[in-house]
Amino acid sequence: MKPSLLDYTQKELAELIQPKFRVKQIFGWLYHNYAQSFEDMKNIPKALKEELTEKYIVNPMKIIKKELSTDGTIKYLFELQDAKTVEAVWLKMKDEKRDAQGELTQEARYTICVSTQVGCKVGCAFCLTAKGGFTRDLTAGEIVAQVVNLKRDNNHKHNRMINIVYMGMGEPLDNLDNLAKAIEIFKEQEGLCISAKRQTVSTSGLSNKIDQLGQMDLGVHIAISLHAVDDELRSELIPMNKAHNINSIIEAVKRFPIDTRKRVMFEYLVIKDKNDDLGSAKKLVKLLHGIKAKVNLIYFNPYPGTPYDRPQLKDMVDFQEYLVSHGLLCTIRDSKGIDISAACGQLKEKENKK
């Protein structure tokens, strides 16, 4: 496979491409104009384009499937150079607002959920991605390309704000080097200029890698996929918990550098009759004592063949109210794209069965 230009920071490209002033132009074509090929780069000399074409590609993936939800969520399936597939999701978080005169007062806000691996090693019992096993890590350019392609496909200008969550297929911290590089590429001032504060890394809890990410001090937020309050249930849901138990994760989180104005997000996937009772809520309050935390309660999205069920609304609300009444900030995440292949890996699985 040829490397993509999206694999490189601007500084790295300046060492590969001469003369150096062309790098700024190329960077503009990549991240401001969302160029799909070298032919799209109109002010780059033909000789340089031919030289680059021999060594590199621009876009390392292509959209092969899209599913649009009634709530504005769009699920994408990408094919990579080696014919492997990964998913990304375009999430509408807030609608645009206009005043009485029809003037725009607030632009619509979007979040992009990106994948970091083809498949996943973690093997969570509730996750469809795990069923396909692990194939390989994504390169930094393949992570970056998901955002570039989604912004391009939705006519989202390069300088409009976007949030990124590394919460798609794969365990981000299992691909830490490429993840860290993608984070830096997104932050490039002359590229997409997406600050670290708008990037959230979601992990199933590799406690040693949480420490490594913290030592890199990239400025990103961290979200912990907790999903259980005791090691017995968590080991059933996330077999990796045997190596990285709840206590080791909580201790690593306490060491993680957090902006004093921000909170650590704890994702809690609520599964009917598994972890949706008030006894679990009580244990969660105790577990997170002393951490500036926010708990995000997530409905389990059923898929064919899963032994788990979606919780009742009443149980979700009771759980939330218990946490809030005991001093924890807690939200119930709206189920996005419930009418399409909502769970990670669902669209990929559907295509594989054709």
Protein backbone atom coordinates (compact mmCIF):
# COMPACT_ATOMS: atom_id res chain seq x y z
CA MET A 1 0.00 0.00 0.00
CA LYS A 2 1.24 3.48 -0.82
CA PRO A 3 1.30 5.94 2.09
CA SER A 4 -1.23 8.77 2.00
CA LEU A 5 -0.24 12.41 2.32
CA LEU A 6 -2.73 12.46 5.21
CA ASP A 7 -0.24 10.30 7.15
CA TYR A 8 2.10 13.26 7.62
CA THR A 9 2.27 16.40 9.72
CA GLN A 10 3.09 19.63 7.89
CA LYS A 11 6.63 19.51 9.30
CA GLU A 12 7.14 15.98 7.99
CA LEU A 13 5.84 16.92 4.54
CA ALA A 14 8.31 19.81 4.45
CA GLU A 15 11.12 17.21 4.65
CA LEU A 16 9.63 15.15 1.81
CA ILE A 17 8.49 17.78 -0.68
CA GLN A 18 10.57 20.49 -2.31
CA PRO A 19 10.38 23.44 -2.61
CA LYS A 20 8.94 23.92 0.89
CA PHE A 21 6.42 26.62 -0.05
CA ARG A 22 4.55 23.94 -2.02
CA VAL A 23 3.83 22.11 1.25
CA LYS A 24 1.59 24.92 2.47
CA GLN A 25 -0.29 24.84 -0.84
CA ILE A 26 -0.68 21.06 -0.71
CA PHE A 27 -1.82 21.23 2.91
CA GLY A 28 -4.49 23.71 1.83
CA TRP A 29 -5.68 21.36 -0.92
CA LEU A 30 -5.84 18.45 1.52
CA TYR A 31 -7.57 20.11 4.45
CA HIS A 32 -9.29 23.24 3.12
CA ASN A 33 -10.45 21.98 -0.27
CA TYR A 34 -10.67 18.25 0.59
CA ALA A 35 -8.81 17.26 -2.61
CA GLN A 36 -9.37 13.64 -3.62
CA SER A 37 -6.46 13.36 -6.02
CA PHE A 38 -3.32 15.18 -7.12
CA GLU A 39 -5.20 16.30 -10.25
CA ASP A 40 -7.49 18.37 -7.99
CA MET A 41 -4.49 20.48 -6.89
CA LYS A 42 -4.68 23.15 -9.58
CA ASN A 43 -1.67 25.33 -8.68
CA ILE A 44 0.79 22.45 -8.20
CA PRO A 45 3.19 21.96 -11.16
CA LYS A 46 2.63 18.91 -13.35
CA ALA A 47 6.13 17.54 -12.68
CA LEU A 48 5.62 17.66 -8.91
CA LYS A 49 2.18 16.05 -9.23
CA GLU A 50 3.71 13.21 -11.27
CA GLU A 51 6.48 12.75 -8.70
CA LEU A 52 3.98 12.65 -5.83
CA THR A 53 1.68 10.25 -7.69
CA GLU A 54 4.52 7.71 -7.94
CA LYS A 55 5.12 7.69 -4.18
CA TYR A 56 1.86 8.64 -2.48
CA ILE A 57 -1.90 8.66 -2.67
CA VAL A 58 -4.22 11.40 -1.42
CA ASN A 59 -7.31 9.61 -0.12
CA PRO A 60 -6.63 6.13 1.34
CA MET A 61 -10.30 5.10 1.45
CA LYS A 62 -13.57 5.34 -0.42
CA ILE A 63 -17.17 5.47 0.76
CA ILE A 64 -18.96 2.27 -0.28
CA LYS A 65 -22.13 2.55 1.80
CA LYS A 66 -24.12 5.22 3.62
CA GLU A 67 -27.15 4.95 5.88
CA LEU A 68 -29.09 8.08 6.80
CA SER A 69 -31.22 8.24 9.95
CA THR A 70 -34.31 10.38 10.43
CA ASP A 71 -32.43 12.22 13.22
CA GLY A 72 -29.68 13.34 10.82
CA THR A 73 -27.14 10.69 11.81
CA ILE A 74 -25.22 9.26 8.86
CA LYS A 75 -23.35 5.97 9.13
CA TYR A 76 -20.52 5.44 6.63
CA LEU A 77 -18.76 2.28 5.54
CA PHE A 78 -15.32 2.83 4.03
CA GLU A 79 -13.19 0.50 1.95
CA LEU A 80 -9.44 0.79 2.50
CA GLN A 81 -6.64 0.15 0.01
CA ASP A 82 -6.39 -3.51 1.08
CA ALA A 83 -10.19 -3.96 0.68
CA LYS A 84 -10.75 -4.05 4.46
CA THR A 85 -13.69 -2.00 5.74
CA VAL A 86 -14.27 0.36 8.66
CA GLU A 87 -17.10 2.60 9.83
CA ALA A 88 -17.42 6.25 10.80
CA VAL A 89 -20.46 8.21 11.93
CA TRP A 90 -21.64 11.79 11.33
CA LEU A 91 -23.67 12.87 14.37
CA LYS A 92 -25.82 15.98 14.55
CA MET A 93 -25.62 17.22 18.13
CA LYS A 94 -27.46 20.56 17.91
CA ASP A 95 -29.78 22.08 15.31
CA GLU A 96 -29.08 25.47 13.81
CA LYS A 97 -30.99 28.41 15.30
CA ARG A 98 -32.38 31.50 13.57
CA ASP A 99 -33.94 34.67 14.96
CA ALA A 100 -37.33 36.14 14.02
CA GLN A 101 -35.77 37.77 10.94
CA GLY A 102 -34.39 34.47 9.75
CA GLU A 103 -30.78 35.39 10.56
CA LEU A 104 -28.56 32.52 11.66
CA THR A 105 -27.75 32.81 15.38
CA GLN A 106 -26.21 29.38 15.92
CA GLU A 107 -24.78 26.96 13.40
CA ALA A 108 -25.67 23.28 13.67
CA ARG A 109 -23.12 21.38 15.74
CA TYR A 110 -21.68 18.05 14.65
CA THR A 111 -19.50 15.28 16.05
CA ILE A 112 -17.63 12.68 14.01
CA CYS A 113 -17.13 9.23 15.51
CA VAL A 114 -14.05 7.60 13.99
CA SER A 115 -12.55 4.11 14.01
CA THR A 116 -8.93 3.39 14.93
CA GLN A 117 -8.65 -0.30 13.96
CA VAL A 118 -10.05 -2.84 11.53
CA GLY A 119 -11.79 -5.02 14.08
CA CYS A 120 -10.78 -5.08 17.75
CA LYS A 121 -8.73 -7.21 20.15
CA VAL A 122 -10.73 -6.39 23.28
CA GLY A 123 -13.62 -8.77 22.61
CA CYS A 124 -16.43 -7.08 24.56
CA ALA A 125 -19.40 -9.46 24.86
CA PHE A 126 -21.93 -6.80 23.87
CA CYS A 127 -20.02 -5.44 20.86
CA LEU A 128 -20.61 -6.50 17.27
CA THR A 129 -17.18 -5.26 16.14
CA ALA A 130 -15.61 -7.93 18.37
CA LYS A 131 -17.40 -10.72 16.52
CA GLY A 132 -15.22 -10.15 13.46
CA GLY A 133 -11.97 -10.37 15.42
CA PHE A 134 -8.95 -8.12 14.93
CA THR A 135 -7.34 -7.53 11.52
CA ARG A 136 -4.98 -4.56 11.79
CA ASP A 137 -4.39 -1.05 13.11
CA LEU A 138 -5.37 1.93 11.02
CA THR A 139 -2.59 4.28 9.99
CA ALA A 140 -2.71 7.90 11.18
CA GLY A 141 -3.75 8.88 7.65
CA GLU A 142 -6.63 6.40 7.66
CA ILE A 143 -7.88 7.90 10.92
CA VAL A 144 -7.53 11.44 9.56
CA ALA A 145 -9.16 10.52 6.23
CA GLN A 146 -12.42 9.56 7.94
CA VAL A 147 -12.88 13.14 9.17
CA VAL A 148 -11.77 14.69 5.87
CA ASN A 149 -14.17 12.48 3.89
CA LEU A 150 -17.13 13.14 6.19
CA LYS A 151 -16.58 16.90 6.20
CA ARG A 152 -16.30 16.83 2.41
CA ASP A 153 -19.39 14.65 1.97
CA ASN A 154 -21.44 16.99 4.17
CA ASN A 155 -20.12 20.25 2.67
CA HIS A 156 -18.74 21.17 6.10
CA LYS A 157 -16.17 23.95 5.64
CA HIS A 158 -12.70 23.36 7.01
CA ASN A 159 -12.97 26.22 9.53
CA ARG A 160 -16.33 25.19 10.98
CA MET A 161 -16.14 23.62 14.42
CA ILE A 162 -16.36 19.88 14.70
CA ASN A 163 -15.87 17.46 17.59
CA ILE A 164 -14.08 14.14 17.18
CA VAL A 165 -14.67 11.07 19.33
CA TYR A 166 -12.38 8.07 18.94
CA MET A 167 -15.21 5.73 19.75
CA GLY A 168 -15.79 3.73 16.57
CA MET A 169 -14.37 0.32 15.70
CA GLY A 170 -11.29 -0.71 17.64
CA GLU A 171 -9.62 0.20 20.93
CA PRO A 172 -7.89 3.58 20.38
CA LEU A 173 -5.21 3.03 23.03
CA ASP A 174 -4.28 -0.27 21.38
CA ASN A 175 -3.10 1.86 18.44
CA LEU A 176 -1.59 4.63 20.54
CA ASP A 177 1.20 5.83 18.23
CA ASN A 178 -1.06 6.28 15.20
CA LEU A 179 -3.81 7.76 17.39
CA ALA A 180 -1.41 10.33 18.87
CA LYS A 181 -0.16 11.30 15.42
CA ALA A 182 -3.71 11.71 14.08
CA ILE A 183 -4.53 13.95 17.06
CA GLU A 184 -1.52 16.14 16.20
CA ILE A 185 -2.46 16.28 12.50
CA PHE A 186 -6.00 17.39 13.38
CA LYS A 187 -4.52 20.17 15.56
CA GLU A 188 -2.39 21.62 12.71
CA GLN A 189 -3.09 25.37 12.49
CA GLU A 190 -3.00 25.41 8.68
CA GLY A 191 -5.01 22.21 8.40
CA LEU A 192 -8.34 21.46 10.08
CA CYS A 193 -7.26 23.25 13.29
CA ILE A 194 -9.32 21.00 15.58
CA SER A 195 -8.10 21.71 19.09
CA ALA A 196 -7.34 18.91 21.52
CA LYS A 197 -10.26 20.13 23.66
CA ARG A 198 -12.58 19.01 20.84
CA GLN A 199 -11.09 15.52 20.69
CA THR A 200 -12.15 12.71 23.04
CA VAL A 201 -10.45 9.34 23.31
CA SER A 202 -12.78 6.57 24.46
CA THR A 203 -11.10 3.52 25.95
CA SER A 204 -12.32 0.23 27.34
CA GLY A 205 -9.75 0.68 30.07
CA LEU A 206 -6.16 -0.25 29.21
CA SER A 207 -4.87 1.23 32.46
CA ASN A 208 -1.17 1.22 31.46
CA LYS A 209 -2.00 2.92 28.14
CA ILE A 210 -4.14 5.53 29.95
CA ASP A 211 -0.94 6.41 31.81
CA GLN A 212 1.03 6.56 28.55
CA LEU A 213 -1.55 8.83 26.92
CA GLY A 214 -1.47 11.05 29.99
CA GLN A 215 2.33 11.32 29.83
CA MET A 216 2.07 12.47 26.19
CA ASP A 217 0.04 15.42 27.50
CA LEU A 218 -1.80 15.92 24.19
CA GLY A 219 -4.60 17.87 25.86
CA VAL A 220 -7.39 15.51 24.73
CA HIS A 221 -10.34 14.44 26.86
CA ILE A 222 -10.69 10.86 27.96
CA ALA A 223 -13.82 8.74 28.22
CA ILE A 224 -13.80 5.43 30.08
CA SER A 225 -16.10 2.63 28.94
CA LEU A 226 -16.87 1.36 32.43
CA HIS A 227 -20.19 -0.50 31.94
CA ALA A 228 -20.08 -2.32 35.29
CA VAL A 229 -19.38 -1.59 38.95
CA ASP A 230 -17.86 -4.93 39.98
CA ASP A 231 -15.11 -7.00 38.40
CA GLU A 232 -17.26 -10.11 38.01
CA LEU A 233 -19.78 -8.49 35.65
CA ARG A 234 -17.15 -6.34 33.95
CA SER A 235 -15.05 -9.42 33.18
CA GLU A 236 -18.13 -11.04 31.62
CA LEU A 237 -18.76 -7.96 29.48
CA ILE A 238 -15.10 -7.03 28.86
CA PRO A 239 -12.75 -10.06 29.19
CA MET A 240 -9.75 -7.68 29.22
CA ASN A 241 -10.91 -6.61 32.69
CA LYS A 242 -9.02 -9.60 34.09
CA ALA A 243 -5.77 -7.82 33.15
CA HIS A 244 -6.99 -4.27 33.70
CA ASN A 245 -9.50 -4.39 36.53
CA ILE A 246 -11.74 -1.59 37.71
CA ASN A 247 -9.42 -0.46 40.50
CA SER A 248 -6.41 -0.17 38.14
CA ILE A 249 -8.51 1.93 35.73
CA ILE A 250 -9.78 4.27 38.47
CA GLU A 251 -6.22 4.78 39.76
CA ALA A 252 -4.95 5.54 36.20
CA VAL A 253 -7.78 8.05 35.71
CA LYS A 254 -6.79 9.83 38.93
CA ARG A 255 -3.29 10.26 37.47
CA PHE A 256 -4.51 11.51 34.07
CA PRO A 257 -3.91 15.26 33.43
CA ILE A 258 -7.33 16.90 33.22
CA ASP A 259 -8.14 20.52 32.42
CA THR A 260 -9.43 21.87 35.75
CA ARG A 261 -12.62 23.05 34.02
CA LYS A 262 -13.35 19.64 32.54
CA ARG A 263 -14.56 16.27 33.78
CA VAL A 264 -13.62 12.67 33.05
CA MET A 265 -16.40 10.99 31.11
CA PHE A 266 -17.49 7.54 32.23
CA GLU A 267 -19.53 5.68 29.65
CA TYR A 268 -21.99 3.26 31.23
CA LEU A 269 -23.78 0.96 28.79
CA VAL A 270 -27.04 0.05 30.47
CA ILE A 271 -28.19 -3.53 29.85
CA LYS A 272 -31.57 -4.76 31.05
CA ASP A 273 -31.37 -6.90 34.22
CA LYS A 274 -27.56 -6.78 34.15
CA ASN A 275 -26.48 -3.40 35.48
CA ASP A 276 -29.62 -1.22 35.50
CA ASP A 277 -30.60 -1.58 39.18
CA LEU A 278 -30.22 0.98 41.97
CA GLY A 279 -27.75 -1.30 43.74
CA SER A 280 -25.40 -0.76 40.80
CA ALA A 281 -26.07 2.99 40.91
CA LYS A 282 -25.10 3.05 44.59
CA LYS A 283 -21.82 1.21 43.88
CA LEU A 284 -21.06 3.61 41.01
CA VAL A 285 -21.39 6.64 43.29
CA LYS A 286 -18.94 5.06 45.73
CA LEU A 287 -16.53 4.03 42.97
CA LEU A 288 -16.28 7.53 41.47
CA HIS A 289 -15.95 9.35 44.80
CA GLY A 290 -13.19 11.95 44.60
CA ILE A 291 -13.11 12.07 40.78
CA LYS A 292 -14.45 15.06 38.88
CA ALA A 293 -16.65 12.82 36.77
CA LYS A 294 -19.56 12.89 34.38
CA VAL A 295 -21.51 9.69 33.77
CA ASN A 296 -23.06 9.09 30.38
CA LEU A 297 -25.77 6.44 30.50
CA ILE A 298 -26.12 4.68 27.15
CA TYR A 299 -28.96 2.46 26.02
CA PHE A 300 -27.74 -0.92 24.80
CA ASN A 301 -28.56 -1.14 21.07
CA PRO A 302 -29.66 -4.74 20.37
CA TYR A 303 -28.46 -6.54 17.25
CA PRO A 304 -29.35 -10.00 15.86
CA GLY A 305 -27.99 -12.80 18.01
CA THR A 306 -27.12 -10.79 21.12
CA PRO A 307 -28.18 -12.24 24.51
CA TYR A 308 -28.58 -8.73 25.95
CA ASP A 309 -31.66 -6.48 25.98
CA ARG A 310 -32.36 -2.75 25.88
CA PRO A 311 -33.27 -1.32 29.32
CA GLN A 312 -36.60 0.29 30.17
CA LEU A 313 -36.85 4.08 30.13
CA LYS A 314 -38.04 4.12 33.77
CA ASP A 315 -34.97 2.19 34.93
CA MET A 316 -32.69 4.57 33.03
CA VAL A 317 -34.35 7.61 34.60
CA ASP A 318 -34.32 6.09 38.12
CA PHE A 319 -30.60 5.28 37.71
CA GLN A 320 -29.85 8.82 36.53
CA GLU A 321 -31.86 10.44 39.32
CA TYR A 322 -30.04 8.39 41.95
CA LEU A 323 -26.63 9.50 40.63
CA VAL A 324 -27.65 13.16 40.37
CA SER A 325 -29.17 13.16 43.87
CA HIS A 326 -25.83 11.87 45.18
CA GLY A 327 -23.78 14.62 43.53
CA LEU A 328 -22.75 13.05 40.21
CA LEU A 329 -23.28 14.86 36.92
CA CYS A 330 -25.17 12.36 34.76
CA THR A 331 -26.86 12.40 31.36
CA ILE A 332 -28.78 9.83 29.36
CA ARG A 333 -27.35 9.79 25.85
CA ASP A 334 -29.93 10.07 23.12
CA SER A 335 -29.87 6.96 20.97
CA LYS A 336 -28.65 8.27 17.63
CA GLY A 337 -29.40 6.41 14.42
CA ILE A 338 -31.61 3.82 16.10
CA ASP A 339 -33.45 3.30 12.78
CA ILE A 340 -30.22 2.46 10.94
CA SER A 341 -27.23 0.19 11.75
CA ALA A 342 -26.69 1.96 15.06
CA ALA A 343 -24.25 -0.29 16.91
CA CYS A 344 -20.58 -0.19 15.87
CA GLY A 345 -19.83 -2.93 13.37
CA GLN A 346 -23.47 -3.39 12.35
CA LEU A 347 -23.18 -1.85 8.90
CA LYS A 348 -19.94 -3.74 8.21
CA GLU A 349 -21.55 -7.01 9.34
CA LYS A 350 -24.60 -6.37 7.17
CA GLU A 351 -22.42 -5.81 4.09
CA ASN A 352 -20.31 -8.91 4.80
CA LYS A 353 -23.40 -11.11 4.78
CA LYS A 354 -24.45 -10.02 1.28
